[in-house]
Amino acid sequence: VGPLVVGMLSDLIASDGRGPAEGLRWALVISSGL
């Protein structure tokens, strides 16, 4: 589930106009809170 969660978050944030780099960055930040 871990890579799926990070991948889905990355795609979701990137599609909001932030692009693949920032999408991945913030997906990793959010997952750290777990």
PDB file of all heavy atoms in Angstrom:
ATOM      1  N   VAL A   1       0.818  -1.211   0.000  1.00  0.00           N
ATOM      2  CA  VAL A   1       0.000   0.000   0.000  1.00  0.00           C
ATOM      3  C   VAL A   1       0.855   1.266   0.000  1.00  0.00           C
ATOM      4  O   VAL A   1       0.471   2.279  -0.589  1.00  0.00           O
ATOM      5  CB  VAL A   1      -0.957  -0.009   1.217  1.00  0.00           C
ATOM      6  CG1 VAL A   1      -1.762   1.283   1.294  1.00  0.00           C
ATOM      7  CG2 VAL A   1      -1.898  -1.210   1.136  1.00  0.00           C
ATOM      8  N   GLY A   2       2.028   1.223   0.651  1.00  0.00           N
ATOM      9  CA  GLY A   2       2.855   2.427   0.776  1.00  0.00           C
ATOM     10  C   GLY A   2       3.162   3.112  -0.538  1.00  0.00           C
ATOM     11  O   GLY A   2       2.847   4.298  -0.721  1.00  0.00           O
ATOM     12  N   PRO A   3       3.782   2.430  -1.514  1.00  0.00           N
ATOM     13  CA  PRO A   3       4.051   3.084  -2.797  1.00  0.00           C
ATOM     14  C   PRO A   3       2.784   3.516  -3.534  1.00  0.00           C
ATOM     15  O   PRO A   3       2.784   4.539  -4.232  1.00  0.00           O
ATOM     16  CB  PRO A   3       4.795   1.986  -3.587  1.00  0.00           C
ATOM     17  CG  PRO A   3       5.434   1.142  -2.548  1.00  0.00           C
ATOM     18  CD  PRO A   3       4.435   1.104  -1.428  1.00  0.00           C
ATOM     19  N   LEU A   4       1.684   2.759  -3.367  1.00  0.00           N
ATOM     20  CA  LEU A   4       0.424   3.169  -4.000  1.00  0.00           C
ATOM     21  C   LEU A   4      -0.085   4.482  -3.416  1.00  0.00           C
ATOM     22  O   LEU A   4      -0.536   5.366  -4.145  1.00  0.00           O
ATOM     23  CB  LEU A   4      -0.643   2.080  -3.801  1.00  0.00           C
ATOM     24  CG  LEU A   4      -0.562   0.845  -4.692  1.00  0.00           C
ATOM     25  CD1 LEU A   4      -1.692  -0.113  -4.336  1.00  0.00           C
ATOM     26  CD2 LEU A   4      -0.658   1.235  -6.159  1.00  0.00           C
ATOM     27  N   VAL A   5      -0.035   4.600  -2.086  1.00  0.00           N
ATOM     28  CA  VAL A   5      -0.499   5.822  -1.424  1.00  0.00           C
ATOM     29  C   VAL A   5       0.329   7.019  -1.867  1.00  0.00           C
ATOM     30  O   VAL A   5      -0.212   8.072  -2.230  1.00  0.00           O
ATOM     31  CB  VAL A   5      -0.443   5.658   0.117  1.00  0.00           C
ATOM     32  CG1 VAL A   5      -0.639   6.999   0.808  1.00  0.00           C
ATOM     33  CG2 VAL A   5      -1.499   4.664   0.583  1.00  0.00           C
ATOM     34  N   VAL A   6       1.660   6.866  -1.845  1.00  0.00           N
ATOM     35  CA  VAL A   6       2.526   7.973  -2.263  1.00  0.00           C
ATOM     36  C   VAL A   6       2.305   8.301  -3.739  1.00  0.00           C
ATOM     37  O   VAL A   6       2.220   9.472  -4.132  1.00  0.00           O
ATOM     38  CB  VAL A   6       4.005   7.637  -1.990  1.00  0.00           C
ATOM     39  CG1 VAL A   6       4.922   8.726  -2.556  1.00  0.00           C
ATOM     40  CG2 VAL A   6       4.251   7.481  -0.495  1.00  0.00           C
ATOM     41  N   GLY A   7       2.169   7.281  -4.584  1.00  0.00           N
ATOM     42  CA  GLY A   7       1.941   7.502  -6.008  1.00  0.00           C
ATOM     43  C   GLY A   7       0.628   8.214  -6.287  1.00  0.00           C
ATOM     44  O   GLY A   7       0.571   9.145  -7.101  1.00  0.00           O
ATOM     45  N   MET A   8      -0.446   7.778  -5.613  1.00  0.00           N
ATOM     46  CA  MET A   8      -1.747   8.422  -5.807  1.00  0.00           C
ATOM     47  C   MET A   8      -1.738   9.873  -5.325  1.00  0.00           C
ATOM     48  O   MET A   8      -2.267  10.762  -5.987  1.00  0.00           O
ATOM     49  CB  MET A   8      -2.840   7.632  -5.093  1.00  0.00           C
ATOM     50  CG  MET A   8      -3.228   6.345  -5.791  1.00  0.00           C
ATOM     51  SD  MET A   8      -4.710   5.545  -5.096  1.00  0.00           S
ATOM     52  CE  MET A   8      -4.089   5.028  -3.498  1.00  0.00           C
ATOM     53  N   LEU A   9      -1.127  10.093  -4.144  1.00  0.00           N
ATOM     54  CA  LEU A   9      -1.019  11.461  -3.637  1.00  0.00           C
ATOM     55  C   LEU A   9      -0.222  12.338  -4.595  1.00  0.00           C
ATOM     56  O   LEU A   9      -0.588  13.500  -4.854  1.00  0.00           O
ATOM     57  CB  LEU A   9      -0.343  11.457  -2.264  1.00  0.00           C
ATOM     58  CG  LEU A   9      -1.219  11.182  -1.038  1.00  0.00           C
ATOM     59  CD1 LEU A   9      -0.345  11.070   0.204  1.00  0.00           C
ATOM     60  CD2 LEU A   9      -2.256  12.291  -0.861  1.00  0.00           C
ATOM     61  N   SER A  10       0.869  11.798  -5.113  1.00  0.00           N
ATOM     62  CA  SER A  10       1.709  12.550  -6.045  1.00  0.00           C
ATOM     63  C   SER A  10       0.936  12.940  -7.298  1.00  0.00           C
ATOM     64  O   SER A  10       0.975  14.101  -7.730  1.00  0.00           O
ATOM     65  CB  SER A  10       2.939  11.718  -6.413  1.00  0.00           C
ATOM     66  OG  SER A  10       3.736  12.378  -7.366  1.00  0.00           O
ATOM     67  N   ASP A  11       0.217  11.977  -7.899  1.00  0.00           N
ATOM     68  CA  ASP A  11      -0.579  12.270  -9.092  1.00  0.00           C
ATOM     69  C   ASP A  11      -1.657  13.306  -8.795  1.00  0.00           C
ATOM     70  O   ASP A  11      -1.923  14.207  -9.601  1.00  0.00           O
ATOM     71  CB  ASP A  11      -1.234  10.995  -9.630  1.00  0.00           C
ATOM     72  CG  ASP A  11      -0.241  10.083 -10.345  1.00  0.00           C
ATOM     73  OD1 ASP A  11       0.814  10.579 -10.789  1.00  0.00           O
ATOM     74  OD2 ASP A  11      -0.525   8.869 -10.457  1.00  0.00           O
ATOM     75  N   LEU A  12      -2.283  13.181  -7.616  1.00  0.00           N
ATOM     76  CA  LEU A  12      -3.369  14.094  -7.246  1.00  0.00           C
ATOM     77  C   LEU A  12      -2.862  15.514  -7.068  1.00  0.00           C
ATOM     78  O   LEU A  12      -3.447  16.476  -7.591  1.00  0.00           O
ATOM     79  CB  LEU A  12      -4.023  13.597  -5.952  1.00  0.00           C
ATOM     80  CG  LEU A  12      -5.216  14.407  -5.427  1.00  0.00           C
ATOM     81  CD1 LEU A  12      -6.378  14.351  -6.417  1.00  0.00           C
ATOM     82  CD2 LEU A  12      -5.661  13.883  -4.059  1.00  0.00           C
ATOM     83  N   ILE A  13      -1.758  15.673  -6.333  1.00  0.00           N
ATOM     84  CA  ILE A  13      -1.212  17.018  -6.095  1.00  0.00           C
ATOM     85  C   ILE A  13      -0.653  17.601  -7.383  1.00  0.00           C
ATOM     86  O   ILE A  13      -0.807  18.788  -7.662  1.00  0.00           O
ATOM     87  CB  ILE A  13      -0.140  16.966  -4.989  1.00  0.00           C
ATOM     88  CG1 ILE A  13      -0.764  16.497  -3.665  1.00  0.00           C
ATOM     89  CG2 ILE A  13       0.518  18.338  -4.799  1.00  0.00           C
ATOM     90  CD1 ILE A  13       0.246  16.190  -2.567  1.00  0.00           C
ATOM     91  N   ALA A  14      -0.005  16.768  -8.203  1.00  0.00           N
ATOM     92  CA  ALA A  14       0.552  17.241  -9.476  1.00  0.00           C
ATOM     93  C   ALA A  14      -0.539  17.727 -10.409  1.00  0.00           C
ATOM     94  O   ALA A  14      -0.366  18.722 -11.128  1.00  0.00           O
ATOM     95  CB  ALA A  14       1.354  16.118 -10.143  1.00  0.00           C
ATOM     96  N   SER A  15      -1.699  17.051 -10.403  1.00  0.00           N
ATOM     97  CA  SER A  15      -2.793  17.427 -11.306  1.00  0.00           C
ATOM     98  C   SER A  15      -3.443  18.732 -10.902  1.00  0.00           C
ATOM     99  O   SER A  15      -4.201  19.325 -11.676  1.00  0.00           O
ATOM    100  CB  SER A  15      -3.856  16.317 -11.332  1.00  0.00           C
ATOM    101  OG  SER A  15      -4.504  16.207 -10.070  1.00  0.00           O
ATOM    102  N   ASP A  16      -3.147  19.212  -9.687  1.00  0.00           N
ATOM    103  CA  ASP A  16      -3.705  20.474  -9.207  1.00  0.00           C
ATOM    104  C   ASP A  16      -2.881  21.665  -9.679  1.00  0.00           C
ATOM    105  O   ASP A  16      -3.043  22.777  -9.181  1.00  0.00           O
ATOM    106  CB  ASP A  16      -3.765  20.442  -7.672  1.00  0.00           C
ATOM    107  CG  ASP A  16      -4.669  21.515  -7.102  1.00  0.00           C
ATOM    108  OD1 ASP A  16      -5.647  21.889  -7.782  1.00  0.00           O
ATOM    109  OD2 ASP A  16      -4.400  21.985  -5.978  1.00  0.00           O
ATOM    110  N   GLY A  17      -1.970  21.433 -10.618  1.00  0.00           N
ATOM    111  CA  GLY A  17      -1.182  22.516 -11.198  1.00  0.00           C
ATOM    112  C   GLY A  17       0.212  22.654 -10.630  1.00  0.00           C
ATOM    113  O   GLY A  17       0.977  23.522 -11.061  1.00  0.00           O
ATOM    114  N   ARG A  18       0.609  21.813  -9.691  1.00  0.00           N
ATOM    115  CA  ARG A  18       1.922  21.936  -9.066  1.00  0.00           C
ATOM    116  C   ARG A  18       3.004  21.170  -9.814  1.00  0.00           C
ATOM    117  O   ARG A  18       4.194  21.367  -9.552  1.00  0.00           O
ATOM    118  CB  ARG A  18       1.864  21.459  -7.608  1.00  0.00           C
ATOM    119  CG  ARG A  18       0.854  22.238  -6.778  1.00  0.00           C
ATOM    120  CD  ARG A  18       1.012  21.980  -5.314  1.00  0.00           C
ATOM    121  NE  ARG A  18      -0.027  22.657  -4.541  1.00  0.00           N
ATOM    122  CZ  ARG A  18      -0.041  22.744  -3.224  1.00  0.00           C
ATOM    123  NH1 ARG A  18       0.937  22.201  -2.524  1.00  0.00           N
ATOM    124  NH2 ARG A  18      -1.013  23.364  -2.603  1.00  0.00           N
ATOM    125  N   GLY A  19       2.609  20.264 -10.703  1.00  0.00           N
ATOM    126  CA  GLY A  19       3.586  19.529 -11.498  1.00  0.00           C
ATOM    127  C   GLY A  19       4.107  18.295 -10.792  1.00  0.00           C
ATOM    128  O   GLY A  19       3.925  18.128  -9.574  1.00  0.00           O
ATOM    129  N   PRO A  20       4.784  17.407 -11.518  1.00  0.00           N
ATOM    130  CA  PRO A  20       5.232  16.129 -10.951  1.00  0.00           C
ATOM    131  C   PRO A  20       6.287  16.257  -9.859  1.00  0.00           C
ATOM    132  O   PRO A  20       6.324  15.434  -8.947  1.00  0.00           O
ATOM    133  CB  PRO A  20       5.776  15.364 -12.163  1.00  0.00           C
ATOM    134  CG  PRO A  20       6.074  16.415 -13.179  1.00  0.00           C
ATOM    135  CD  PRO A  20       5.073  17.494 -12.965  1.00  0.00           C
ATOM    136  N   ALA A  21       7.132  17.269  -9.933  1.00  0.00           N
ATOM    137  CA  ALA A  21       8.180  17.413  -8.915  1.00  0.00           C
ATOM    138  C   ALA A  21       7.588  17.814  -7.567  1.00  0.00           C
ATOM    139  O   ALA A  21       7.826  17.171  -6.542  1.00  0.00           O
ATOM    140  CB  ALA A  21       9.215  18.443  -9.371  1.00  0.00           C
ATOM    141  N   GLU A  22       6.770  18.885  -7.547  1.00  0.00           N
ATOM    142  CA  GLU A  22       6.167  19.332  -6.291  1.00  0.00           C
ATOM    143  C   GLU A  22       5.109  18.350  -5.812  1.00  0.00           C
ATOM    144  O   GLU A  22       4.909  18.184  -4.600  1.00  0.00           O
ATOM    145  CB  GLU A  22       5.562  20.729  -6.470  1.00  0.00           C
ATOM    146  CG  GLU A  22       6.599  21.826  -6.630  1.00  0.00           C
ATOM    147  CD  GLU A  22       7.566  21.870  -5.446  1.00  0.00           C
ATOM    148  OE1 GLU A  22       7.107  21.985  -4.284  1.00  0.00           O
ATOM    149  OE2 GLU A  22       8.789  21.758  -5.675  1.00  0.00           O
ATOM    150  N   GLY A  23       4.423  17.705  -6.761  1.00  0.00           N
ATOM    151  CA  GLY A  23       3.447  16.704  -6.360  1.00  0.00           C
ATOM    152  C   GLY A  23       4.095  15.594  -5.561  1.00  0.00           C
ATOM    153  O   GLY A  23       3.588  15.174  -4.506  1.00  0.00           O
ATOM    154  N   LEU A  24       5.236  15.115  -6.034  1.00  0.00           N
ATOM    155  CA  LEU A  24       5.939  14.050  -5.338  1.00  0.00           C
ATOM    156  C   LEU A  24       6.521  14.539  -4.018  1.00  0.00           C
ATOM    157  O   LEU A  24       6.462  13.846  -3.002  1.00  0.00           O
ATOM    158  CB  LEU A  24       7.041  13.479  -6.224  1.00  0.00           C
ATOM    159  CG  LEU A  24       7.836  12.306  -5.657  1.00  0.00           C
ATOM    160  CD1 LEU A  24       6.912  11.173  -5.215  1.00  0.00           C
ATOM    161  CD2 LEU A  24       8.845  11.800  -6.686  1.00  0.00           C
ATOM    162  N   ARG A  25       7.076  15.747  -4.025  1.00  0.00           N
ATOM    163  CA  ARG A  25       7.653  16.298  -2.785  1.00  0.00           C
ATOM    164  C   ARG A  25       6.614  16.316  -1.661  1.00  0.00           C
ATOM    165  O   ARG A  25       6.855  15.821  -0.556  1.00  0.00           O
ATOM    166  CB  ARG A  25       8.169  17.715  -3.030  1.00  0.00           C
ATOM    167  CG  ARG A  25       8.911  18.296  -1.806  1.00  0.00           C
ATOM    168  CD  ARG A  25       8.870  19.828  -1.794  1.00  0.00           C
ATOM    169  NE  ARG A  25       9.516  20.453  -2.915  1.00  0.00           N
ATOM    170  CZ  ARG A  25      10.796  20.867  -2.926  1.00  0.00           C
ATOM    171  NH1 ARG A  25      11.554  20.666  -1.873  1.00  0.00           N
ATOM    172  NH2 ARG A  25      11.278  21.470  -3.994  1.00  0.00           N
ATOM    173  N   TRP A  26       5.417  16.849  -1.935  1.00  0.00           N
ATOM    174  CA  TRP A  26       4.416  16.999  -0.884  1.00  0.00           C
ATOM    175  C   TRP A  26       3.736  15.681  -0.542  1.00  0.00           C
ATOM    176  O   TRP A  26       3.282  15.485   0.588  1.00  0.00           O
ATOM    177  CB  TRP A  26       3.423  18.091  -1.256  1.00  0.00           C
ATOM    178  CG  TRP A  26       4.075  19.428  -1.137  1.00  0.00           C
ATOM    179  CD1 TRP A  26       4.527  20.236  -2.139  1.00  0.00           C
ATOM    180  CD2 TRP A  26       4.410  20.102   0.080  1.00  0.00           C
ATOM    181  NE1 TRP A  26       5.136  21.365  -1.628  1.00  0.00           N
ATOM    182  CE2 TRP A  26       5.072  21.312  -0.273  1.00  0.00           C
ATOM    183  CE3 TRP A  26       4.220  19.812   1.432  1.00  0.00           C
ATOM    184  CZ2 TRP A  26       5.528  22.208   0.684  1.00  0.00           C
ATOM    185  CZ3 TRP A  26       4.687  20.713   2.382  1.00  0.00           C
ATOM    186  CH2 TRP A  26       5.326  21.898   2.005  1.00  0.00           C
ATOM    187  N   ALA A  27       3.694  14.754  -1.469  1.00  0.00           N
ATOM    188  CA  ALA A  27       3.194  13.416  -1.146  1.00  0.00           C
ATOM    189  C   ALA A  27       4.110  12.749  -0.123  1.00  0.00           C
ATOM    190  O   ALA A  27       3.649  12.093   0.826  1.00  0.00           O
ATOM    191  CB  ALA A  27       3.100  12.567  -2.408  1.00  0.00           C
ATOM    192  N   LEU A  28       5.406  12.928  -0.289  1.00  0.00           N
ATOM    193  CA  LEU A  28       6.370  12.359   0.654  1.00  0.00           C
ATOM    194  C   LEU A  28       6.301  13.052   2.012  1.00  0.00           C
ATOM    195  O   LEU A  28       6.404  12.405   3.066  1.00  0.00           O
ATOM    196  CB  LEU A  28       7.779  12.451   0.075  1.00  0.00           C
ATOM    197  CG  LEU A  28       8.049  11.586  -1.163  1.00  0.00           C
ATOM    198  CD1 LEU A  28       9.385  11.961  -1.807  1.00  0.00           C
ATOM    199  CD2 LEU A  28       8.038  10.107  -0.810  1.00  0.00           C
ATOM    200  N   VAL A  29       6.112  14.374   2.009  1.00  0.00           N
ATOM    201  CA  VAL A  29       5.979  15.116   3.273  1.00  0.00           C
ATOM    202  C   VAL A  29       4.757  14.630   4.046  1.00  0.00           C
ATOM    203  O   VAL A  29       4.820  14.355   5.248  1.00  0.00           O
ATOM    204  CB  VAL A  29       5.881  16.630   3.005  1.00  0.00           C
ATOM    205  CG1 VAL A  29       5.459  17.379   4.280  1.00  0.00           C
ATOM    206  CG2 VAL A  29       7.211  17.174   2.499  1.00  0.00           C
ATOM    207  N   ILE A  30       3.630  14.527   3.364  1.00  0.00           N
ATOM    208  CA  ILE A  30       2.384  14.114   4.025  1.00  0.00           C
ATOM    209  C   ILE A  30       2.512  12.702   4.605  1.00  0.00           C
ATOM    210  O   ILE A  30       2.084  12.434   5.728  1.00  0.00           O
ATOM    211  CB  ILE A  30       1.206  14.192   3.027  1.00  0.00           C
ATOM    212  CG1 ILE A  30       0.919  15.654   2.667  1.00  0.00           C
ATOM    213  CG2 ILE A  30      -0.047  13.539   3.600  1.00  0.00           C
ATOM    214  CD1 ILE A  30      -0.020  15.831   1.491  1.00  0.00           C
ATOM    215  N   SER A  31       3.116  11.797   3.849  1.00  0.00           N
ATOM    216  CA  SER A  31       3.233  10.417   4.328  1.00  0.00           C
ATOM    217  C   SER A  31       4.101  10.315   5.573  1.00  0.00           C
ATOM    218  O   SER A  31       3.921   9.396   6.393  1.00  0.00           O
ATOM    219  CB  SER A  31       3.789   9.522   3.216  1.00  0.00           C
ATOM    220  OG  SER A  31       5.134   9.856   2.908  1.00  0.00           O
ATOM    221  N   SER A  32       5.029  11.244   5.765  1.00  0.00           N
ATOM    222  CA  SER A  32       5.894  11.216   6.951  1.00  0.00           C
ATOM    223  C   SER A  32       5.102  11.357   8.239  1.00  0.00           C
ATOM    224  O   SER A  32       5.507  10.844   9.291  1.00  0.00           O
ATOM    225  CB  SER A  32       6.940  12.335   6.879  1.00  0.00           C
ATOM    226  OG  SER A  32       7.711  12.234   5.707  1.00  0.00           O
ATOM    227  N   GLY A  33       3.967  12.050   8.179  1.00  0.00           N
ATOM    228  CA  GLY A  33       3.150  12.255   9.373  1.00  0.00           C
ATOM    229  C   GLY A  33       2.602  10.968   9.967  1.00  0.00           C
ATOM    230  O   GLY A  33       2.206  10.924  11.146  1.00  0.00           O
ATOM    231  N   LEU A  34       2.571   9.881   9.183  1.00  0.00           N
ATOM    232  CA  LEU A  34       2.073   8.608   9.695  1.00  0.00           C
ATOM    233  C   LEU A  34       2.989   7.996  10.746  1.00  0.00           C
ATOM    234  O   LEU A  34       2.599   7.060  11.442  1.00  0.00           O
ATOM    235  CB  LEU A  34       1.893   7.621   8.536  1.00  0.00           C
ATOM    236  CG  LEU A  34       0.763   7.944   7.549  1.00  0.00           C
ATOM    237  CD1 LEU A  34       0.803   6.995   6.358  1.00  0.00           C
ATOM    238  CD2 LEU A  34      -0.592   7.874   8.237  1.00  0.00           C
TER     239      LEU A  34
END
